Amino acid sequence: MKKIHIFLILIAVVGMVFIFNQVATHKTQSKSRSTEKPLIVGSFKLIDQNNVVRTSSSFGNKYLLVYFGYSYCPDICPTALSNITIALENLGRKNSKLQPIFISVDPPRDTPGDLKIYMENFHKNFVALTGNQKQIDEAKKSYRVYSNKVDPEKSQTTDYLIDHSSIIYLISPRSEMIAHFNHSTNPDQIAKVISEKIK
């Protein structure tokens, strides 16, 4: 009888130790997750279509809707920018909390003047950004964006295409990504998600 009693006590002790370890592990994991840096921390220092220097902190408490592309892009970029334009129109008054941004991955061809003309095709609130190659590379790294010329043999000419990431980022006022969309995402869906995310 005593052996059974001792055995039951041992089982209880082992169970308590297991539960304690599980709770401690959960707390450690939760703490770790809360202190982890977000995958995307959007930052940049570039020049807009009006030759004004802009940084990721230039827009106050607005949410940023950011897309990387280039004005010579034949189809994907116009699709993304058009979808952003329609989504902003669908949001109505809520779009005042947003700043749409287009960052060029093709600084040799996308000068501020060229971007100013190009952006006339899209939402009036768009800020288009360019800079030198180093500045663009730093912005791309911050957003984990990839871009590269498709045909290296044409790298010394102005007749080339660029393969690049095609993601629309929703960035909080704290410069953290809170949502993202494919370039072909339906504008209604983009507007719906944005409406749920912004405060």
N, C-alpha and C. Protein backbone atom coordinates (compact mmCIF):
# COMPACT_ATOMS: atom_id res chain seq x y z
N MET A 1 0.83 -1.21 0.00
CA MET A 1 0.00 0.00 0.00
C MET A 1 0.86 1.26 0.00
N LYS A 2 1.94 1.20 0.85
CA LYS A 2 2.85 2.34 0.91
C LYS A 2 3.54 2.55 -0.43
N LYS A 3 3.89 1.43 -1.10
CA LYS A 3 4.55 1.52 -2.41
C LYS A 3 3.65 2.22 -3.43
N ILE A 4 2.38 1.86 -3.40
CA ILE A 4 1.41 2.48 -4.33
C ILE A 4 1.29 3.97 -4.04
N HIS A 5 1.26 4.30 -2.73
CA HIS A 5 1.14 5.70 -2.32
C HIS A 5 2.35 6.51 -2.79
N ILE A 6 3.54 5.93 -2.59
CA ILE A 6 4.77 6.61 -3.02
C ILE A 6 4.79 6.77 -4.54
N PHE A 7 4.34 5.73 -5.24
CA PHE A 7 4.31 5.76 -6.71
C PHE A 7 3.39 6.88 -7.21
N LEU A 8 2.23 7.03 -6.56
CA LEU A 8 1.29 8.08 -6.96
C LEU A 8 1.87 9.46 -6.70
N ILE A 9 2.59 9.59 -5.58
CA ILE A 9 3.23 10.87 -5.27
C ILE A 9 4.27 11.22 -6.32
N LEU A 10 5.05 10.21 -6.74
CA LEU A 10 6.08 10.43 -7.76
C LEU A 10 5.45 10.87 -9.08
N ILE A 11 4.33 10.23 -9.44
CA ILE A 11 3.64 10.60 -10.68
C ILE A 11 3.16 12.05 -10.60
N ALA A 12 2.63 12.44 -9.44
CA ALA A 12 2.14 13.81 -9.26
C ALA A 12 3.28 14.82 -9.38
N VAL A 13 4.43 14.48 -8.76
CA VAL A 13 5.59 15.38 -8.82
C VAL A 13 6.08 15.55 -10.25
N VAL A 14 6.19 14.40 -10.97
CA VAL A 14 6.64 14.45 -12.36
C VAL A 14 5.69 15.29 -13.20
N GLY A 15 4.38 15.12 -12.96
CA GLY A 15 3.39 15.89 -13.70
C GLY A 15 3.51 17.38 -13.45
N MET A 16 3.75 17.74 -12.18
CA MET A 16 3.90 19.16 -11.84
C MET A 16 5.14 19.76 -12.49
N VAL A 17 6.23 18.98 -12.50
CA VAL A 17 7.46 19.45 -13.13
C VAL A 17 7.24 19.67 -14.63
N PHE A 18 6.52 18.73 -15.27
CA PHE A 18 6.25 18.83 -16.70
C PHE A 18 5.43 20.08 -17.01
N ILE A 19 4.38 20.30 -16.21
CA ILE A 19 3.51 21.46 -16.42
C ILE A 19 4.30 22.76 -16.23
N PHE A 20 5.15 22.79 -15.19
CA PHE A 20 5.96 23.98 -14.92
C PHE A 20 6.88 24.28 -16.09
N ASN A 21 7.50 23.23 -16.63
CA ASN A 21 8.40 23.42 -17.77
C ASN A 21 7.66 23.93 -19.00
N GLN A 22 6.45 23.40 -19.23
CA GLN A 22 5.66 23.83 -20.38
C GLN A 22 5.29 25.31 -20.26
N VAL A 23 4.88 25.72 -19.06
CA VAL A 23 4.51 27.12 -18.84
C VAL A 23 5.72 28.03 -19.02
N ALA A 24 6.86 27.60 -18.48
CA ALA A 24 8.08 28.40 -18.60
C ALA A 24 8.51 28.53 -20.05
N THR A 25 8.40 27.42 -20.79
CA THR A 25 8.77 27.44 -22.21
C THR A 25 7.86 28.37 -22.99
N HIS A 26 6.55 28.30 -22.70
CA HIS A 26 5.57 29.15 -23.39
C HIS A 26 5.87 30.62 -23.14
N LYS A 27 6.19 30.96 -21.87
CA LYS A 27 6.49 32.35 -21.54
C LYS A 27 7.74 32.82 -22.27
N THR A 28 8.74 31.94 -22.33
CA THR A 28 9.99 32.30 -23.01
C THR A 28 9.75 32.53 -24.49
N GLN A 29 8.95 31.63 -25.11
CA GLN A 29 8.65 31.76 -26.53
C GLN A 29 7.85 33.02 -26.81
N SER A 30 6.88 33.32 -25.92
CA SER A 30 6.06 34.51 -26.11
C SER A 30 6.90 35.76 -26.01
N LYS A 31 7.82 35.77 -25.02
CA LYS A 31 8.71 36.91 -24.86
C LYS A 31 9.61 37.08 -26.06
N SER A 32 10.09 35.93 -26.57
CA SER A 32 10.98 35.96 -27.73
C SER A 32 10.25 36.52 -28.93
N ARG A 33 8.99 36.07 -29.14
CA ARG A 33 8.22 36.55 -30.28
C ARG A 33 7.94 38.04 -30.17
N SER A 34 7.70 38.51 -28.95
CA SER A 34 7.36 39.92 -28.78
C SER A 34 8.54 40.84 -29.01
N THR A 35 9.77 40.30 -28.86
CA THR A 35 10.96 41.12 -29.03
C THR A 35 11.62 40.92 -30.38
N GLU A 36 11.08 40.00 -31.19
CA GLU A 36 11.65 39.78 -32.51
C GLU A 36 11.40 40.99 -33.41
N LYS A 37 12.36 41.31 -34.26
CA LYS A 37 12.18 42.39 -35.22
C LYS A 37 11.29 41.92 -36.35
N PRO A 38 10.40 42.77 -36.85
CA PRO A 38 9.55 42.38 -37.98
C PRO A 38 10.39 42.10 -39.22
N LEU A 39 9.88 41.24 -40.10
CA LEU A 39 10.62 40.88 -41.29
C LEU A 39 10.84 42.08 -42.21
N ILE A 40 9.87 42.95 -42.26
CA ILE A 40 9.98 44.13 -43.11
C ILE A 40 9.97 45.38 -42.23
N VAL A 41 11.02 46.15 -42.28
CA VAL A 41 11.04 47.44 -41.59
C VAL A 41 11.37 48.48 -42.65
N GLY A 42 10.34 49.02 -43.27
CA GLY A 42 10.55 49.90 -44.41
C GLY A 42 11.21 51.22 -44.06
N SER A 43 12.34 51.49 -44.66
CA SER A 43 13.00 52.78 -44.48
C SER A 43 13.65 53.21 -45.78
N PHE A 44 13.73 54.52 -45.99
CA PHE A 44 14.34 55.04 -47.22
C PHE A 44 14.64 56.52 -47.06
N LYS A 45 15.53 57.01 -47.89
CA LYS A 45 15.80 58.44 -48.03
C LYS A 45 16.03 58.68 -49.51
N LEU A 46 15.01 59.23 -50.17
CA LEU A 46 15.02 59.35 -51.63
C LEU A 46 14.47 60.72 -52.05
N ILE A 47 14.39 60.93 -53.35
CA ILE A 47 13.89 62.19 -53.91
C ILE A 47 12.57 61.93 -54.63
N ASP A 48 11.58 62.80 -54.39
CA ASP A 48 10.28 62.57 -55.04
C ASP A 48 10.22 63.24 -56.41
N GLN A 49 9.05 63.14 -57.04
CA GLN A 49 8.89 63.64 -58.41
C GLN A 49 8.98 65.16 -58.50
N ASN A 50 8.98 65.83 -57.34
CA ASN A 50 9.13 67.29 -57.31
C ASN A 50 10.50 67.71 -56.78
N ASN A 51 11.43 66.75 -56.77
CA ASN A 51 12.81 67.00 -56.30
C ASN A 51 12.89 67.33 -54.82
N VAL A 52 11.94 66.83 -54.05
CA VAL A 52 11.94 67.03 -52.60
C VAL A 52 12.47 65.76 -51.93
N VAL A 53 13.39 65.91 -50.98
CA VAL A 53 13.93 64.75 -50.26
C VAL A 53 12.85 64.20 -49.34
N ARG A 54 12.63 62.92 -49.42
CA ARG A 54 11.63 62.24 -48.59
C ARG A 54 12.28 61.07 -47.87
N THR A 55 11.88 60.87 -46.61
CA THR A 55 12.32 59.70 -45.86
C THR A 55 11.08 58.94 -45.40
N SER A 56 11.30 57.78 -44.82
CA SER A 56 10.17 56.98 -44.35
C SER A 56 9.43 57.65 -43.20
N SER A 57 10.05 58.66 -42.59
CA SER A 57 9.40 59.38 -41.49
C SER A 57 8.82 60.73 -41.92
N SER A 58 8.78 60.97 -43.22
CA SER A 58 8.29 62.26 -43.74
C SER A 58 6.77 62.38 -43.74
N PHE A 59 6.08 61.28 -43.46
CA PHE A 59 4.63 61.27 -43.68
C PHE A 59 3.82 61.20 -42.38
N GLY A 60 4.45 61.60 -41.28
CA GLY A 60 3.74 61.68 -40.01
C GLY A 60 3.16 60.35 -39.56
N ASN A 61 1.88 60.39 -39.21
CA ASN A 61 1.20 59.18 -38.71
C ASN A 61 0.43 58.43 -39.79
N LYS A 62 0.76 58.69 -41.02
CA LYS A 62 0.06 58.00 -42.11
C LYS A 62 0.59 56.58 -42.30
N TYR A 63 -0.30 55.72 -42.78
CA TYR A 63 0.09 54.38 -43.21
C TYR A 63 0.61 54.51 -44.64
N LEU A 64 1.65 53.76 -44.95
CA LEU A 64 2.23 53.82 -46.29
C LEU A 64 1.82 52.60 -47.10
N LEU A 65 1.44 52.84 -48.34
CA LEU A 65 1.13 51.77 -49.28
C LEU A 65 2.22 51.83 -50.34
N VAL A 66 3.18 50.92 -50.23
CA VAL A 66 4.43 51.03 -51.00
C VAL A 66 4.53 49.96 -52.08
N TYR A 67 4.95 50.40 -53.26
CA TYR A 67 5.19 49.46 -54.36
C TYR A 67 6.49 49.84 -55.07
N PHE A 68 7.32 48.82 -55.33
CA PHE A 68 8.57 49.01 -56.08
C PHE A 68 8.37 48.59 -57.53
N GLY A 69 8.82 49.42 -58.46
CA GLY A 69 8.71 49.08 -59.88
C GLY A 69 9.50 50.07 -60.71
N TYR A 70 9.09 50.25 -61.96
CA TYR A 70 9.78 51.22 -62.82
C TYR A 70 8.85 51.66 -63.94
N SER A 71 9.06 52.86 -64.43
CA SER A 71 8.11 53.45 -65.37
C SER A 71 8.11 52.79 -66.74
N TYR A 72 9.19 52.10 -67.08
CA TYR A 72 9.25 51.41 -68.37
C TYR A 72 8.64 50.00 -68.30
N CYS A 73 8.15 49.62 -67.15
CA CYS A 73 7.54 48.29 -66.96
C CYS A 73 6.31 48.18 -67.87
N PRO A 74 6.25 47.13 -68.70
CA PRO A 74 5.18 47.06 -69.70
C PRO A 74 3.79 46.70 -69.17
N ASP A 75 3.72 45.93 -68.09
CA ASP A 75 2.39 45.48 -67.67
C ASP A 75 2.18 45.33 -66.17
N ILE A 76 3.12 44.70 -65.47
CA ILE A 76 2.92 44.40 -64.05
C ILE A 76 2.80 45.67 -63.21
N CYS A 77 3.71 46.61 -63.41
CA CYS A 77 3.67 47.85 -62.62
C CYS A 77 2.40 48.67 -62.87
N PRO A 78 2.01 48.87 -64.12
CA PRO A 78 0.75 49.59 -64.35
C PRO A 78 -0.45 48.91 -63.70
N THR A 79 -0.43 47.58 -63.69
CA THR A 79 -1.53 46.84 -63.04
C THR A 79 -1.54 47.12 -61.55
N ALA A 80 -0.38 47.03 -60.91
CA ALA A 80 -0.29 47.27 -59.47
C ALA A 80 -0.72 48.69 -59.12
N LEU A 81 -0.20 49.66 -59.84
CA LEU A 81 -0.51 51.06 -59.54
C LEU A 81 -1.98 51.39 -59.81
N SER A 82 -2.55 50.77 -60.83
CA SER A 82 -3.98 50.96 -61.12
C SER A 82 -4.83 50.35 -60.01
N ASN A 83 -4.44 49.17 -59.53
CA ASN A 83 -5.18 48.52 -58.45
C ASN A 83 -5.10 49.33 -57.16
N ILE A 84 -3.94 49.90 -56.89
CA ILE A 84 -3.81 50.77 -55.72
C ILE A 84 -4.71 52.00 -55.88
N THR A 85 -4.72 52.58 -57.06
CA THR A 85 -5.54 53.76 -57.33
C THR A 85 -7.02 53.47 -57.08
N ILE A 86 -7.50 52.35 -57.60
CA ILE A 86 -8.92 51.99 -57.42
C ILE A 86 -9.21 51.70 -55.95
N ALA A 87 -8.30 51.01 -55.28
CA ALA A 87 -8.48 50.70 -53.85
C ALA A 87 -8.59 51.98 -53.03
N LEU A 88 -7.74 52.95 -53.33
CA LEU A 88 -7.79 54.23 -52.61
C LEU A 88 -9.11 54.95 -52.85
N GLU A 89 -9.60 54.89 -54.07
CA GLU A 89 -10.88 55.52 -54.38
C GLU A 89 -12.02 54.80 -53.65
N ASN A 90 -11.92 53.49 -53.54
CA ASN A 90 -12.94 52.71 -52.84
C ASN A 90 -12.96 53.00 -51.34
N LEU A 91 -11.82 53.38 -50.79
CA LEU A 91 -11.72 53.64 -49.35
C LEU A 91 -12.37 54.95 -48.95
N GLY A 92 -12.61 55.82 -49.90
CA GLY A 92 -13.25 57.10 -49.59
C GLY A 92 -12.44 57.94 -48.62
N ARG A 93 -13.08 58.39 -47.54
CA ARG A 93 -12.40 59.26 -46.58
C ARG A 93 -11.24 58.58 -45.87
N LYS A 94 -11.30 57.27 -45.77
CA LYS A 94 -10.23 56.56 -45.07
C LYS A 94 -8.89 56.68 -45.78
N ASN A 95 -8.93 57.00 -47.07
CA ASN A 95 -7.65 57.08 -47.78
C ASN A 95 -6.82 58.28 -47.33
N SER A 96 -7.41 59.16 -46.53
CA SER A 96 -6.65 60.29 -45.99
C SER A 96 -5.62 59.83 -44.97
N LYS A 97 -5.80 58.61 -44.48
CA LYS A 97 -4.84 58.04 -43.51
C LYS A 97 -3.70 57.31 -44.21
N LEU A 98 -3.77 57.27 -45.54
CA LEU A 98 -2.79 56.51 -46.32
C LEU A 98 -1.94 57.41 -47.20
N GLN A 99 -0.70 56.99 -47.41
CA GLN A 99 0.16 57.65 -48.39
C GLN A 99 0.67 56.61 -49.38
N PRO A 100 0.16 56.63 -50.62
CA PRO A 100 0.67 55.69 -51.62
C PRO A 100 2.04 56.13 -52.12
N ILE A 101 2.95 55.17 -52.22
CA ILE A 101 4.33 55.48 -52.62
C ILE A 101 4.80 54.50 -53.69
N PHE A 102 5.40 55.04 -54.73
CA PHE A 102 6.00 54.23 -55.79
C PHE A 102 7.51 54.48 -55.77
N ILE A 103 8.30 53.41 -55.54
CA ILE A 103 9.75 53.54 -55.49
C ILE A 103 10.35 52.88 -56.73
N SER A 104 11.11 53.64 -57.48
CA SER A 104 11.70 53.11 -58.72
C SER A 104 12.89 52.21 -58.42
N VAL A 105 12.96 51.11 -59.16
CA VAL A 105 14.14 50.23 -59.10
C VAL A 105 15.03 50.47 -60.31
N ASP A 106 14.74 51.56 -61.03
CA ASP A 106 15.45 51.87 -62.28
C ASP A 106 15.88 53.35 -62.28
N PRO A 107 16.74 53.74 -61.33
CA PRO A 107 17.10 55.15 -61.22
C PRO A 107 17.76 55.77 -62.45
N PRO A 108 18.52 55.01 -63.27
CA PRO A 108 19.11 55.65 -64.45
C PRO A 108 18.07 56.23 -65.41
N ARG A 109 16.91 55.56 -65.53
CA ARG A 109 15.88 56.02 -66.46
C ARG A 109 14.76 56.79 -65.78
N ASP A 110 14.55 56.51 -64.50
CA ASP A 110 13.44 57.16 -63.78
C ASP A 110 13.93 58.38 -63.01
N THR A 111 14.04 59.49 -63.71
CA THR A 111 14.39 60.75 -63.06
C THR A 111 13.14 61.34 -62.41
N PRO A 112 13.29 62.30 -61.51
CA PRO A 112 12.11 62.93 -60.91
C PRO A 112 11.13 63.46 -61.96
N GLY A 113 11.67 64.09 -63.01
CA GLY A 113 10.80 64.62 -64.06
C GLY A 113 10.05 63.54 -64.81
N ASP A 114 10.73 62.44 -65.10
CA ASP A 114 10.08 61.32 -65.79
C ASP A 114 8.98 60.72 -64.93
N LEU A 115 9.26 60.57 -63.64
CA LEU A 115 8.28 59.99 -62.73
C LEU A 115 7.06 60.91 -62.56
N LYS A 116 7.30 62.21 -62.60
CA LYS A 116 6.18 63.15 -62.46
C LYS A 116 5.19 62.98 -63.61
N ILE A 117 5.71 62.81 -64.80
CA ILE A 117 4.84 62.59 -65.97
C ILE A 117 4.15 61.23 -65.88
N TYR A 118 4.91 60.21 -65.50
CA TYR A 118 4.37 58.85 -65.44
C TYR A 118 3.24 58.74 -64.42
N MET A 119 3.40 59.37 -63.26
CA MET A 119 2.42 59.22 -62.19
C MET A 119 1.12 59.97 -62.45
N GLU A 120 1.08 60.76 -63.50
CA GLU A 120 -0.17 61.43 -63.87
C GLU A 120 -1.25 60.43 -64.27
N ASN A 121 -0.82 59.20 -64.55
CA ASN A 121 -1.77 58.15 -64.95
C ASN A 121 -2.46 57.49 -63.76
N PHE A 122 -2.01 57.82 -62.54
CA PHE A 122 -2.50 57.11 -61.37
C PHE A 122 -3.02 58.09 -60.30
N HIS A 123 -3.29 57.60 -59.11
CA HIS A 123 -3.91 58.42 -58.07
C HIS A 123 -3.09 59.68 -57.79
N LYS A 124 -3.80 60.77 -57.62
CA LYS A 124 -3.16 62.08 -57.46
C LYS A 124 -2.30 62.18 -56.20
N ASN A 125 -2.56 61.31 -55.21
CA ASN A 125 -1.80 61.39 -53.96
C ASN A 125 -0.48 60.62 -53.99
N PHE A 126 -0.22 59.93 -55.07
CA PHE A 126 1.01 59.14 -55.16
C PHE A 126 2.25 60.02 -55.01
N VAL A 127 3.20 59.52 -54.22
CA VAL A 127 4.55 60.09 -54.18
C VAL A 127 5.46 59.08 -54.86
N ALA A 128 6.15 59.53 -55.91
CA ALA A 128 7.07 58.65 -56.64
C ALA A 128 8.49 59.01 -56.23
N LEU A 129 9.28 57.99 -55.93
CA LEU A 129 10.62 58.22 -55.39
C LEU A 129 11.71 57.59 -56.24
N THR A 130 12.82 58.28 -56.32
CA THR A 130 14.01 57.76 -56.99
C THR A 130 15.24 58.26 -56.24
N GLY A 131 16.41 57.96 -56.75
CA GLY A 131 17.65 58.37 -56.08
C GLY A 131 18.83 57.77 -56.80
N ASN A 132 19.99 57.78 -56.17
CA ASN A 132 21.12 57.10 -56.79
C ASN A 132 21.02 55.60 -56.52
N GLN A 133 21.86 54.81 -57.16
CA GLN A 133 21.74 53.36 -57.06
C GLN A 133 21.92 52.87 -55.63
N LYS A 134 22.83 53.49 -54.89
CA LYS A 134 23.07 53.08 -53.51
C LYS A 134 21.83 53.31 -52.65
N GLN A 135 21.19 54.45 -52.83
CA GLN A 135 19.98 54.75 -52.07
C GLN A 135 18.85 53.78 -52.40
N ILE A 136 18.71 53.47 -53.68
CA ILE A 136 17.68 52.52 -54.10
C ILE A 136 17.97 51.14 -53.53
N ASP A 137 19.23 50.72 -53.57
CA ASP A 137 19.61 49.41 -53.03
C ASP A 137 19.32 49.32 -51.54
N GLU A 138 19.54 50.40 -50.81
CA GLU A 138 19.26 50.41 -49.38
C GLU A 138 17.76 50.30 -49.12
N ALA A 139 16.97 50.99 -49.92
CA ALA A 139 15.51 50.90 -49.78
C ALA A 139 15.02 49.50 -50.10
N LYS A 140 15.57 48.92 -51.16
CA LYS A 140 15.20 47.55 -51.55
C LYS A 140 15.53 46.57 -50.43
N LYS A 141 16.70 46.71 -49.85
CA LYS A 141 17.12 45.82 -48.77
C LYS A 141 16.19 45.94 -47.57
N SER A 142 15.77 47.16 -47.27
CA SER A 142 14.88 47.40 -46.15
C SER A 142 13.53 46.70 -46.32
N TYR A 143 13.08 46.63 -47.57
CA TYR A 143 11.79 45.99 -47.87
C TYR A 143 11.95 44.56 -48.40
N ARG A 144 13.20 44.09 -48.46
CA ARG A 144 13.49 42.76 -49.00
C ARG A 144 12.99 42.61 -50.43
N VAL A 145 13.26 43.61 -51.21
CA VAL A 145 12.84 43.63 -52.61
C VAL A 145 13.99 43.19 -53.50
N TYR A 146 13.66 42.39 -54.51
CA TYR A 146 14.64 41.93 -55.49
C TYR A 146 14.40 42.64 -56.82
N SER A 147 15.48 43.00 -57.50
CA SER A 147 15.35 43.49 -58.88
C SER A 147 16.66 43.26 -59.61
N ASN A 148 16.54 42.97 -60.90
CA ASN A 148 17.73 42.74 -61.73
C ASN A 148 17.36 42.88 -63.20
N LYS A 149 18.29 43.37 -64.00
CA LYS A 149 18.05 43.49 -65.43
C LYS A 149 17.91 42.11 -66.04
N VAL A 150 16.93 41.96 -66.93
CA VAL A 150 16.65 40.67 -67.54
C VAL A 150 17.76 40.26 -68.50
N ASP A 151 18.23 41.19 -69.32
CA ASP A 151 19.26 40.90 -70.32
C ASP A 151 20.51 41.71 -70.02
N PRO A 152 21.50 41.09 -69.36
CA PRO A 152 22.73 41.82 -68.99
C PRO A 152 23.44 42.44 -70.19
N GLU A 153 23.27 41.85 -71.38
CA GLU A 153 23.95 42.37 -72.57
C GLU A 153 23.45 43.77 -72.94
N LYS A 154 22.24 44.10 -72.47
CA LYS A 154 21.67 45.41 -72.77
C LYS A 154 21.88 46.40 -71.63
N SER A 155 22.71 46.03 -70.66
CA SER A 155 22.88 46.85 -69.47
C SER A 155 23.46 48.23 -69.77
N GLN A 156 24.15 48.36 -70.91
CA GLN A 156 24.75 49.65 -71.26
C GLN A 156 23.84 50.47 -72.18
N THR A 157 22.65 49.97 -72.45
CA THR A 157 21.70 50.69 -73.30
C THR A 157 20.49 51.09 -72.47
N THR A 158 19.57 51.81 -73.08
CA THR A 158 18.34 52.19 -72.38
C THR A 158 17.19 51.25 -72.74
N ASP A 159 17.50 50.22 -73.51
CA ASP A 159 16.48 49.28 -73.96
C ASP A 159 16.61 47.97 -73.19
N TYR A 160 16.01 47.93 -72.00
CA TYR A 160 16.09 46.72 -71.18
C TYR A 160 14.86 46.61 -70.29
N LEU A 161 14.60 45.39 -69.85
CA LEU A 161 13.53 45.12 -68.89
C LEU A 161 14.15 44.75 -67.56
N ILE A 162 13.37 44.89 -66.50
CA ILE A 162 13.85 44.57 -65.16
C ILE A 162 12.91 43.56 -64.51
N ASP A 163 13.50 42.49 -64.03
CA ASP A 163 12.74 41.50 -63.26
C ASP A 163 12.76 41.96 -61.80
N HIS A 164 11.60 42.04 -61.17
CA HIS A 164 11.59 42.57 -59.79
C HIS A 164 10.44 41.99 -58.98
N SER A 165 10.59 42.08 -57.67
CA SER A 165 9.51 41.68 -56.77
C SER A 165 8.28 42.52 -57.09
N SER A 166 7.11 41.92 -56.93
CA SER A 166 5.89 42.65 -57.27
C SER A 166 4.88 42.56 -56.13
N ILE A 167 5.27 43.15 -55.01
CA ILE A 167 4.46 43.12 -53.80
C ILE A 167 4.07 44.54 -53.40
N ILE A 168 2.83 44.69 -53.00
CA ILE A 168 2.34 45.96 -52.45
C ILE A 168 2.38 45.84 -50.93
N TYR A 169 3.10 46.73 -50.27
CA TYR A 169 3.27 46.66 -48.82
C TYR A 169 2.41 47.70 -48.12
N LEU A 170 1.73 47.27 -47.05
CA LEU A 170 1.04 48.21 -46.17
C LEU A 170 1.90 48.37 -44.92
N ILE A 171 2.43 49.57 -44.71
CA ILE A 171 3.37 49.83 -43.63
C ILE A 171 2.73 50.74 -42.59
N SER A 172 2.87 50.37 -41.33
CA SER A 172 2.29 51.16 -40.24
C SER A 172 3.10 52.43 -40.00
N PRO A 173 2.56 53.39 -39.23
CA PRO A 173 3.32 54.60 -38.91
C PRO A 173 4.61 54.31 -38.16
N ARG A 174 4.74 53.09 -37.62
CA ARG A 174 5.99 52.70 -36.94
C ARG A 174 6.95 52.00 -37.89
N SER A 175 6.66 52.10 -39.18
CA SER A 175 7.52 51.52 -40.23
C SER A 175 7.59 50.00 -40.18
N GLU A 176 6.48 49.37 -39.80
CA GLU A 176 6.40 47.91 -39.78
C GLU A 176 5.34 47.43 -40.76
N MET A 177 5.65 46.36 -41.48
CA MET A 177 4.67 45.82 -42.42
C MET A 177 3.53 45.15 -41.67
N ILE A 178 2.29 45.52 -42.01
CA ILE A 178 1.14 44.91 -41.35
C ILE A 178 0.26 44.15 -42.34
N ALA A 179 0.55 44.29 -43.64
CA ALA A 179 -0.16 43.51 -44.66
C ALA A 179 0.60 43.66 -45.97
N HIS A 180 0.36 42.71 -46.87
CA HIS A 180 0.96 42.82 -48.20
C HIS A 180 0.04 42.16 -49.22
N PHE A 181 0.19 42.57 -50.47
CA PHE A 181 -0.67 42.08 -51.54
C PHE A 181 0.15 41.81 -52.79
N ASN A 182 -0.31 40.85 -53.58
CA ASN A 182 0.26 40.64 -54.90
C ASN A 182 -0.18 41.79 -55.80
N HIS A 183 0.60 42.06 -56.83
CA HIS A 183 0.27 43.19 -57.72
C HIS A 183 -1.10 43.04 -58.39
N SER A 184 -1.55 41.78 -58.54
CA SER A 184 -2.82 41.53 -59.23
C SER A 184 -4.01 41.36 -58.29
N THR A 185 -3.80 41.59 -56.99
CA THR A 185 -4.89 41.46 -56.03
C THR A 185 -6.03 42.42 -56.39
N ASN A 186 -7.25 41.91 -56.31
CA ASN A 186 -8.42 42.73 -56.63
C ASN A 186 -8.47 43.98 -55.75
N PRO A 187 -8.70 45.15 -56.33
CA PRO A 187 -8.74 46.39 -55.56
C PRO A 187 -9.73 46.36 -54.40
N ASP A 188 -10.86 45.68 -54.59
CA ASP A 188 -11.84 45.57 -53.52
C ASP A 188 -11.26 44.84 -52.32
N GLN A 189 -10.47 43.80 -52.59
CA GLN A 189 -9.84 43.04 -51.51
C GLN A 189 -8.77 43.88 -50.82
N ILE A 190 -8.01 44.63 -51.60
CA ILE A 190 -7.00 45.51 -51.01
C ILE A 190 -7.66 46.52 -50.08
N ALA A 191 -8.74 47.14 -50.56
CA ALA A 191 -9.45 48.14 -49.76
C ALA A 191 -10.03 47.52 -48.49
N LYS A 192 -10.55 46.31 -48.60
CA LYS A 192 -11.15 45.62 -47.45
C LYS A 192 -10.11 45.37 -46.37
N VAL A 193 -8.96 44.85 -46.76
CA VAL A 193 -7.90 44.55 -45.78
C VAL A 193 -7.38 45.84 -45.15
N ILE A 194 -7.16 46.85 -45.98
CA ILE A 194 -6.66 48.13 -45.46
C ILE A 194 -7.65 48.71 -44.45
N SER A 195 -8.92 48.65 -44.78
CA SER A 195 -9.95 49.19 -43.90
C SER A 195 -9.94 48.50 -42.55
N GLU A 196 -9.63 47.20 -42.55
CA GLU A 196 -9.58 46.43 -41.31
C GLU A 196 -8.31 46.74 -40.50
N LYS A 197 -7.25 47.11 -41.20
CA LYS A 197 -5.95 47.28 -40.54
C LYS A 197 -5.71 48.68 -39.99
N ILE A 198 -6.16 49.70 -40.72
CA ILE A 198 -5.85 51.06 -40.29
C ILE A 198 -6.81 51.51 -39.20
N LYS A 199 -6.34 52.38 -38.34
CA LYS A 199 -7.15 52.82 -37.20
C LYS A 199 -7.53 54.29 -37.35
